[in-house]
Each structure stands twice: as structure tokens, then as C-alpha cells.
């Protein structure tokens, strides 16, 4: 059993970060190294489907809310809670640091996070009555279930997306279930996009290759 990770790897990624992979590999440094690279590969493979979901969700919700409130900056008159207003103000300020004020609505829409958009499906602060019932449900034309079930699914994917974007381990998750959930949520918004994305998706092959990657018979690629 190899007990020591390469020094270049420790310098680049930190001993603290790599310790989690060593624990998962039960102290075998060679397996930990391979697991680290496979985690990068599988995270990269999930980026495409998450990209499609985040943008489709954002644009579907923005389209419905802009129509409902009769203006592109619907957040200026919609009953957002304090956190929602804070996130809009933060997005506006970030946009206006890059270009002259006032920031165009489209720029603010693009700056708002996946978490902000998912929060509009929550029941918090009366969002079920204020947003979901009159407007937000229309962004999910292929969904007929409960709002809270939909929100729980979306929020779990926000957390997955954040782990991936912050370079955290995801190898310990039931990734096949995460992947299926992405497409389930995407299908509620736009089945045609879901079908198109699946045709380009390499995640299934990356997941299936995990054992070979950890044995060293296949080198992860990203």
C-alpha cells in the first residue's frame, strides 16, 4: 500500500483537502490520487447537465415573472423577501461595477444565482401564495406534483452545483440519482432540451469507469 501522496500534489491542492480522499481510500495514497482525479472528471461531466438546468430555470422563471408584472425588472415591484431583495441588490451592484449605471435588467438576470431562482419555488415568506400559485408554476409546464417536492429537488441540485463549482468531493454521493434528478427537473421545464442534452451527456460513461479509474487501468480525462 502506498502511504504518501506526491509532494507536488500536496503543494498544489493542500494536505487538508487531500486528507478527505485518503480517508475515502482507507489510507492508500495511490488510490486517493486516482480518486481525486476521477472526482474532477465526474464533476466536469456533471457541469453540462447542470448548466442546462440552471439556465433553463432562470429563463423560464424570468419569462413568466416579467410577463406577470409587465416589466423586465419585475423584482422592483414583486414581493421578494429581504434575502431576495439583498441578492438582487448584490447582483445589481456587481453589474454596475463593470459598466455604467443603471444596470440593464438582462445583466441582473444573468448575475442572479441558481439559489436565487430556486428560492422562488420555496414556500418561505409566503412564496407559495405570492409566486407559485399565480405565476411560477407556469415555468414548469410538464410538472403536476407538489411545490415542496419540486423545491426540494431543485435545492438539492443547487447544493450539488455549489460543491462542484467550489471543487469539493462529490464521489461519495449517489451520483446516478443526482444525474437522474437533473434530467427530471429539466424535463419539467423543457423536455426538448432534456432530450438534446442527454444525447451529448458523457456522465454515464464516466460513472461506469470509476472502478477502472481507481484500479489504474483507465486514466481520468477532463
C-alpha atoms as a PDB file:
ATOM      1  CA  UNK A   1       0.000   0.000   0.000  1.00  0.00           C
ATOM      2  CA  UNK A   2       1.248   3.444  -0.936  1.00  0.00           C
ATOM      3  CA  UNK A   3       1.065   5.743   2.092  1.00  0.00           C
ATOM      4  CA  UNK A   4       2.414   9.021   0.724  1.00  0.00           C
ATOM      5  CA  UNK A   5       0.922  11.376  -1.810  1.00  0.00           C
ATOM      6  CA  UNK A   6       3.254  13.127  -4.285  1.00  0.00           C
ATOM      7  CA  UNK A   7       4.703  16.331  -2.863  1.00  0.00           C
ATOM      8  CA  UNK A   8       3.665  18.319  -5.950  1.00  0.00           C
ATOM      9  CA  UNK A   9       0.062  17.263  -5.332  1.00  0.00           C
ATOM     10  CA  UNK A  10       0.176  18.289  -1.675  1.00  0.00           C
ATOM     11  CA  UNK A  11       1.679  21.667  -2.644  1.00  0.00           C
ATOM     12  CA  UNK A  12      -0.945  22.294  -5.311  1.00  0.00           C
ATOM     13  CA  UNK A  13      -4.096  21.097  -3.568  1.00  0.00           C
ATOM     14  CA  UNK A  14      -3.249  21.166   0.187  1.00  0.00           C
ATOM     15  CA  UNK A  15      -2.883  18.362   2.680  1.00  0.00           C
ATOM     16  CA  UNK A  16      -6.214  19.208   4.296  1.00  0.00           C
ATOM     17  CA  UNK A  17      -8.143  18.823   1.024  1.00  0.00           C
ATOM     18  CA  UNK A  18      -6.381  15.597   0.099  1.00  0.00           C
ATOM     19  CA  UNK A  19      -6.929  14.103   3.542  1.00  0.00           C
ATOM     20  CA  UNK A  20     -10.573  13.514   2.642  1.00  0.00           C
ATOM     21  CA  UNK A  21      -9.554  11.413  -0.323  1.00  0.00           C
ATOM     22  CA  UNK A  22      -7.051   9.492   1.764  1.00  0.00           C
ATOM     23  CA  UNK A  23      -9.769   8.645   4.243  1.00  0.00           C
ATOM     24  CA  UNK A  24     -12.072   7.502   1.443  1.00  0.00           C
ATOM     25  CA  UNK A  25      -9.215   5.361   0.064  1.00  0.00           C
ATOM     26  CA  UNK A  26      -8.516   3.904   3.545  1.00  0.00           C
ATOM     27  CA  UNK A  27      -5.044   5.328   3.616  1.00  0.00           C
ATOM     28  CA  UNK A  28      -3.933   4.113   0.198  1.00  0.00           C
ATOM     29  CA  UNK A  29      -2.304   7.195  -1.315  1.00  0.00           C
ATOM     30  CA  UNK A  30      -2.243   5.827  -4.854  1.00  0.00           C
ATOM     31  CA  UNK A  31      -5.988   5.135  -4.794  1.00  0.00           C
ATOM     32  CA  UNK A  32      -6.581   8.535  -3.182  1.00  0.00           C
ATOM     33  CA  UNK A  33      -4.712  10.223  -6.016  1.00  0.00           C
ATOM     34  CA  UNK A  34      -6.742   8.352  -8.617  1.00  0.00           C
ATOM     35  CA  UNK A  35      -9.966   9.125  -6.743  1.00  0.00           C
ATOM     36  CA  UNK A  36      -9.080  12.821  -6.696  1.00  0.00           C
ATOM     37  CA  UNK A  37      -8.694  12.927 -10.461  1.00  0.00           C
ATOM     38  CA  UNK A  38     -11.835  10.866 -11.015  1.00  0.00           C
ATOM     39  CA  UNK A  39     -13.736  13.335  -8.808  1.00  0.00           C
ATOM     40  CA  UNK A  40     -12.555  16.147 -11.076  1.00  0.00           C
ATOM     41  CA  UNK A  41     -13.609  14.150 -14.135  1.00  0.00           C
ATOM     42  CA  UNK A  42     -17.086  13.298 -12.852  1.00  0.00           C
ATOM     43  CA  UNK A  43     -17.612  16.884 -11.679  1.00  0.00           C
ATOM     44  CA  UNK A  44     -16.742  18.079 -15.176  1.00  0.00           C
ATOM     45  CA  UNK A  45     -19.186  15.553 -16.656  1.00  0.00           C
ATOM     46  CA  UNK A  46     -21.988  16.925 -14.473  1.00  0.00           C
ATOM     47  CA  UNK A  47     -21.270  20.526 -15.443  1.00  0.00           C
ATOM     48  CA  UNK A  48     -23.079  20.293 -18.796  1.00  0.00           C
ATOM     49  CA  UNK A  49     -26.412  18.989 -17.463  1.00  0.00           C
ATOM     50  CA  UNK A  50     -26.293  21.448 -14.551  1.00  0.00           C
ATOM     51  CA  UNK A  51     -25.526  24.261 -16.996  1.00  0.00           C
ATOM     52  CA  UNK A  52     -28.669  23.388 -18.970  1.00  0.00           C
ATOM     53  CA  UNK A  53     -30.829  23.195 -15.853  1.00  0.00           C
ATOM     54  CA  UNK A  54     -29.611  26.433 -14.301  1.00  0.00           C
ATOM     55  CA  UNK A  55     -30.071  28.488 -17.461  1.00  0.00           C
ATOM     56  CA  UNK A  56     -33.402  26.893 -18.369  1.00  0.00           C
ATOM     57  CA  UNK A  57     -34.731  27.510 -14.850  1.00  0.00           C
ATOM     58  CA  UNK A  58     -33.505  31.095 -14.827  1.00  0.00           C
ATOM     59  CA  UNK A  59     -35.002  31.987 -18.186  1.00  0.00           C
ATOM     60  CA  UNK A  60     -38.298  30.158 -17.635  1.00  0.00           C
ATOM     61  CA  UNK A  61     -38.884  31.904 -14.318  1.00  0.00           C
ATOM     62  CA  UNK A  62     -37.767  35.299 -15.591  1.00  0.00           C
ATOM     63  CA  UNK A  63     -40.028  34.994 -18.629  1.00  0.00           C
ATOM     64  CA  UNK A  64     -43.098  34.191 -16.528  1.00  0.00           C
ATOM     65  CA  UNK A  65     -42.431  36.848 -13.898  1.00  0.00           C
ATOM     66  CA  UNK A  66     -41.652  39.571 -16.441  1.00  0.00           C
ATOM     67  CA  UNK A  67     -44.918  38.770 -18.176  1.00  0.00           C
ATOM     68  CA  UNK A  68     -46.883  38.693 -14.923  1.00  0.00           C
ATOM     69  CA  UNK A  69     -45.544  42.047 -13.700  1.00  0.00           C
ATOM     70  CA  UNK A  70     -45.366  43.668 -17.116  1.00  0.00           C
ATOM     71  CA  UNK A  71     -41.713  44.697 -16.867  1.00  0.00           C
ATOM     72  CA  UNK A  72     -38.249  43.223 -17.277  1.00  0.00           C
ATOM     73  CA  UNK A  73     -37.172  44.351 -13.821  1.00  0.00           C
ATOM     74  CA  UNK A  74     -40.099  42.558 -12.173  1.00  0.00           C
ATOM     75  CA  UNK A  75     -38.142  42.334  -8.883  1.00  0.00           C
ATOM     76  CA  UNK A  76     -38.646  46.072  -8.421  1.00  0.00           C
ATOM     77  CA  UNK A  77     -42.363  45.516  -7.739  1.00  0.00           C
ATOM     78  CA  UNK A  78     -42.614  41.807  -6.848  1.00  0.00           C
ATOM     79  CA  UNK A  79     -42.980  40.807  -3.163  1.00  0.00           C
ATOM     80  CA  UNK A  80     -39.477  39.420  -2.685  1.00  0.00           C
ATOM     81  CA  UNK A  81     -38.441  38.743   0.887  1.00  0.00           C
ATOM     82  CA  UNK A  82     -35.480  40.516   2.491  1.00  0.00           C
ATOM     83  CA  UNK A  83     -32.980  37.925   1.306  1.00  0.00           C
ATOM     84  CA  UNK A  84     -34.309  38.058  -2.247  1.00  0.00           C
ATOM     85  CA  UNK A  85     -34.031  41.857  -2.262  1.00  0.00           C
ATOM     86  CA  UNK A  86     -30.484  41.584  -0.900  1.00  0.00           C
ATOM     87  CA  UNK A  87     -29.479  39.185  -3.675  1.00  0.00           C
ATOM     88  CA  UNK A  88     -30.940  41.455  -6.349  1.00  0.00           C
ATOM     89  CA  UNK A  89     -29.116  44.461  -4.881  1.00  0.00           C
ATOM     90  CA  UNK A  90     -25.880  42.454  -4.786  1.00  0.00           C
ATOM     91  CA  UNK A  91     -26.317  41.392  -8.419  1.00  0.00           C
ATOM     92  CA  UNK A  92     -27.058  44.966  -9.495  1.00  0.00           C
ATOM     93  CA  UNK A  93     -24.019  46.321  -7.667  1.00  0.00           C
ATOM     94  CA  UNK A  94     -21.784  43.699  -9.262  1.00  0.00           C
ATOM     95  CA  UNK A  95     -23.089  44.584 -12.725  1.00  0.00           C
ATOM     96  CA  UNK A  96     -22.652  48.296 -12.140  1.00  0.00           C
ATOM     97  CA  UNK A  97     -19.033  47.863 -11.093  1.00  0.00           C
ATOM     98  CA  UNK A  98     -18.347  46.562 -14.586  1.00  0.00           C
ATOM     99  CA  UNK A  99     -20.239  49.126 -16.659  1.00  0.00           C
ATOM    100  CA  UNK A 100     -22.136  52.421 -16.437  1.00  0.00           C
ATOM    101  CA  UNK A 101     -25.301  52.579 -14.361  1.00  0.00           C
ATOM    102  CA  UNK A 102     -28.084  51.706 -14.359  1.00  0.00           C
ATOM    103  CA  UNK A 103     -27.517  48.008 -14.988  1.00  0.00           C
ATOM    104  CA  UNK A 104     -29.771  46.527 -17.700  1.00  0.00           C
ATOM    105  CA  UNK A 105     -32.327  44.003 -16.475  1.00  0.00           C
ATOM    106  CA  UNK A 106     -30.821  41.238 -18.603  1.00  0.00           C
ATOM    107  CA  UNK A 107     -27.452  41.722 -16.919  1.00  0.00           C
ATOM    108  CA  UNK A 108     -29.010  41.438 -13.462  1.00  0.00           C
ATOM    109  CA  UNK A 109     -30.908  38.311 -14.501  1.00  0.00           C
ATOM    110  CA  UNK A 110     -27.662  36.698 -15.630  1.00  0.00           C
ATOM    111  CA  UNK A 111     -25.897  37.669 -12.400  1.00  0.00           C
ATOM    112  CA  UNK A 112     -28.519  36.215 -10.063  1.00  0.00           C
ATOM    113  CA  UNK A 113     -27.527  32.823  -8.679  1.00  0.00           C
ATOM    114  CA  UNK A 114     -29.041  29.391  -9.175  1.00  0.00           C
ATOM    115  CA  UNK A 115     -30.003  29.544  -5.498  1.00  0.00           C
ATOM    116  CA  UNK A 116     -31.949  32.765  -6.004  1.00  0.00           C
ATOM    117  CA  UNK A 117     -34.012  31.271  -8.817  1.00  0.00           C
ATOM    118  CA  UNK A 118     -34.652  28.021  -6.955  1.00  0.00           C
ATOM    119  CA  UNK A 119     -35.759  30.006  -3.891  1.00  0.00           C
ATOM    120  CA  UNK A 120     -38.690  31.406  -5.886  1.00  0.00           C
ATOM    121  CA  UNK A 121     -40.200  27.902  -5.790  1.00  0.00           C
ATOM    122  CA  UNK A 122     -39.937  27.731  -1.988  1.00  0.00           C
ATOM    123  CA  UNK A 123     -42.795  28.232   0.424  1.00  0.00           C
ATOM    124  CA  UNK A 124     -40.800  30.693   2.520  1.00  0.00           C
ATOM    125  CA  UNK A 125     -42.287  34.098   3.323  1.00  0.00           C
ATOM    126  CA  UNK A 126     -45.489  33.203   1.524  1.00  0.00           C
ATOM    127  CA  UNK A 127     -43.793  32.475  -1.788  1.00  0.00           C
ATOM    128  CA  UNK A 128     -46.219  29.605  -2.369  1.00  0.00           C
ATOM    129  CA  UNK A 129     -49.127  32.061  -2.475  1.00  0.00           C
ATOM    130  CA  UNK A 130     -47.273  35.092  -3.820  1.00  0.00           C
ATOM    131  CA  UNK A 131     -45.285  33.448  -6.602  1.00  0.00           C
ATOM    132  CA  UNK A 132     -46.048  29.756  -7.077  1.00  0.00           C
ATOM    133  CA  UNK A 133     -49.843  29.819  -7.322  1.00  0.00           C
ATOM    134  CA  UNK A 134     -50.284  32.818  -9.647  1.00  0.00           C
ATOM    135  CA  UNK A 135     -47.141  32.642 -11.765  1.00  0.00           C
ATOM    136  CA  UNK A 136     -44.135  30.438 -11.032  1.00  0.00           C
ATOM    137  CA  UNK A 137     -45.866  27.090 -11.652  1.00  0.00           C
ATOM    138  CA  UNK A 138     -46.164  28.115 -15.316  1.00  0.00           C
ATOM    139  CA  UNK A 139     -42.389  27.792 -15.673  1.00  0.00           C
ATOM    140  CA  UNK A 140     -42.808  24.016 -15.199  1.00  0.00           C
ATOM    141  CA  UNK A 141     -45.402  23.082 -17.830  1.00  0.00           C
ATOM    142  CA  UNK A 142     -44.647  19.356 -17.542  1.00  0.00           C
ATOM    143  CA  UNK A 143     -44.942  19.175 -13.753  1.00  0.00           C
ATOM    144  CA  UNK A 144     -48.141  18.426 -11.865  1.00  0.00           C
ATOM    145  CA  UNK A 145     -46.886  17.496  -8.405  1.00  0.00           C
ATOM    146  CA  UNK A 146     -46.449  19.362  -5.163  1.00  0.00           C
ATOM    147  CA  UNK A 147     -44.497  22.594  -4.993  1.00  0.00           C
ATOM    148  CA  UNK A 148     -42.452  21.497  -1.978  1.00  0.00           C
ATOM    149  CA  UNK A 149     -41.345  18.295  -3.723  1.00  0.00           C
ATOM    150  CA  UNK A 150     -40.168  20.304  -6.706  1.00  0.00           C
ATOM    151  CA  UNK A 151     -38.364  22.787  -4.482  1.00  0.00           C
ATOM    152  CA  UNK A 152     -36.586  20.052  -2.529  1.00  0.00           C
ATOM    153  CA  UNK A 153     -35.322  18.568  -5.798  1.00  0.00           C
ATOM    154  CA  UNK A 154     -34.113  21.904  -7.131  1.00  0.00           C
ATOM    155  CA  UNK A 155     -32.442  22.904  -3.877  1.00  0.00           C
ATOM    156  CA  UNK A 156     -30.541  19.631  -3.612  1.00  0.00           C
ATOM    157  CA  UNK A 157     -29.151  20.351  -7.083  1.00  0.00           C
ATOM    158  CA  UNK A 158     -28.179  23.886  -6.060  1.00  0.00           C
ATOM    159  CA  UNK A 159     -26.107  22.298  -3.287  1.00  0.00           C
ATOM    160  CA  UNK A 160     -24.583  19.792  -5.718  1.00  0.00           C
ATOM    161  CA  UNK A 161     -23.759  22.559  -8.186  1.00  0.00           C
ATOM    162  CA  UNK A 162     -22.087  24.579  -5.432  1.00  0.00           C
ATOM    163  CA  UNK A 163     -19.952  21.632  -4.369  1.00  0.00           C
ATOM    164  CA  UNK A 164     -18.820  21.120  -7.940  1.00  0.00           C
ATOM    165  CA  UNK A 165     -18.092  24.810  -8.544  1.00  0.00           C
ATOM    166  CA  UNK A 166     -16.109  25.012  -5.302  1.00  0.00           C
ATOM    167  CA  UNK A 167     -14.076  21.924  -6.214  1.00  0.00           C
ATOM    168  CA  UNK A 168     -15.423  19.813  -3.350  1.00  0.00           C
ATOM    169  CA  UNK A 169     -15.689  15.996  -3.253  1.00  0.00           C
ATOM    170  CA  UNK A 170     -18.820  14.535  -4.837  1.00  0.00           C
ATOM    171  CA  UNK A 171     -17.543  10.970  -5.305  1.00  0.00           C
ATOM    172  CA  UNK A 172     -19.295   9.811  -2.111  1.00  0.00           C
ATOM    173  CA  UNK A 173     -22.759  10.821  -3.351  1.00  0.00           C
ATOM    174  CA  UNK A 174     -25.247   8.607  -5.131  1.00  0.00           C
ATOM    175  CA  UNK A 175     -24.337  10.330  -8.352  1.00  0.00           C
ATOM    176  CA  UNK A 176     -26.625   8.251 -10.568  1.00  0.00           C
ATOM    177  CA  UNK A 177     -29.572   9.568  -8.539  1.00  0.00           C
ATOM    178  CA  UNK A 178     -28.257  13.144  -8.747  1.00  0.00           C
ATOM    179  CA  UNK A 179     -27.895  12.804 -12.505  1.00  0.00           C
ATOM    180  CA  UNK A 180     -31.411  11.394 -12.893  1.00  0.00           C
ATOM    181  CA  UNK A 181     -32.777  14.254 -10.790  1.00  0.00           C
ATOM    182  CA  UNK A 182     -31.145  16.867 -13.035  1.00  0.00           C
ATOM    183  CA  UNK A 183     -32.945  15.450 -16.052  1.00  0.00           C
ATOM    184  CA  UNK A 184     -36.205  15.055 -14.162  1.00  0.00           C
ATOM    185  CA  UNK A 185     -36.145  18.737 -13.206  1.00  0.00           C
ATOM    186  CA  UNK A 186     -35.052  19.773 -16.684  1.00  0.00           C
ATOM    187  CA  UNK A 187     -37.841  17.711 -18.211  1.00  0.00           C
ATOM    188  CA  UNK A 188     -40.418  19.595 -16.146  1.00  0.00           C
ATOM    189  CA  UNK A 189     -39.206  22.831 -17.753  1.00  0.00           C
ATOM    190  CA  UNK A 190     -38.275  21.825 -21.296  1.00  0.00           C
ATOM    191  CA  UNK A 191     -38.414  18.173 -22.446  1.00  0.00           C
ATOM    192  CA  UNK A 192     -36.847  19.035 -25.793  1.00  0.00           C
ATOM    193  CA  UNK A 193     -33.782  20.498 -24.106  1.00  0.00           C
ATOM    194  CA  UNK A 194     -33.579  17.488 -21.792  1.00  0.00           C
ATOM    195  CA  UNK A 195     -33.561  15.150 -24.796  1.00  0.00           C
ATOM    196  CA  UNK A 196     -30.911  17.190 -26.589  1.00  0.00           C
ATOM    197  CA  UNK A 197     -28.684  17.375 -23.509  1.00  0.00           C
ATOM    198  CA  UNK A 198     -28.871  13.616 -22.921  1.00  0.00           C
ATOM    199  CA  UNK A 199     -27.554  12.981 -26.424  1.00  0.00           C
ATOM    200  CA  UNK A 200     -24.344  14.862 -25.558  1.00  0.00           C
ATOM    201  CA  UNK A 201     -24.009  13.713 -21.949  1.00  0.00           C
ATOM    202  CA  UNK A 202     -20.868  11.725 -21.090  1.00  0.00           C
ATOM    203  CA  UNK A 203     -21.696  11.299 -17.401  1.00  0.00           C
ATOM    204  CA  UNK A 204     -22.943   7.679 -17.709  1.00  0.00           C
ATOM    205  CA  UNK A 205     -19.653   6.508 -19.196  1.00  0.00           C
ATOM    206  CA  UNK A 206     -17.607   8.419 -16.599  1.00  0.00           C
ATOM    207  CA  UNK A 207     -19.640   6.903 -13.768  1.00  0.00           C
ATOM    208  CA  UNK A 208     -19.260   3.427 -15.208  1.00  0.00           C
ATOM    209  CA  UNK A 209     -15.485   3.902 -15.433  1.00  0.00           C
ATOM    210  CA  UNK A 210     -14.970   4.638 -11.722  1.00  0.00           C
ATOM    211  CA  UNK A 211     -13.716   1.178 -10.821  1.00  0.00           C
ATOM    212  CA  UNK A 212     -11.257   1.126 -13.717  1.00  0.00           C
ATOM    213  CA  UNK A 213     -10.017   4.601 -12.784  1.00  0.00           C
ATOM    214  CA  UNK A 214      -9.366   3.593  -9.177  1.00  0.00           C
ATOM    215  CA  UNK A 215      -7.603   0.410 -10.281  1.00  0.00           C
ATOM    216  CA  UNK A 216      -5.392   2.420 -12.594  1.00  0.00           C
ATOM    217  CA  UNK A 217      -6.473   0.680 -15.796  1.00  0.00           C
ATOM    218  CA  UNK A 218      -8.043   3.896 -17.091  1.00  0.00           C
ATOM    219  CA  UNK A 219      -6.754   7.448 -16.697  1.00  0.00           C
ATOM    220  CA  UNK A 220      -9.455  10.054 -15.928  1.00  0.00           C
ATOM    221  CA  UNK A 221      -9.852  12.786 -18.518  1.00  0.00           C
ATOM    222  CA  UNK A 222     -11.429  16.218 -18.162  1.00  0.00           C
END
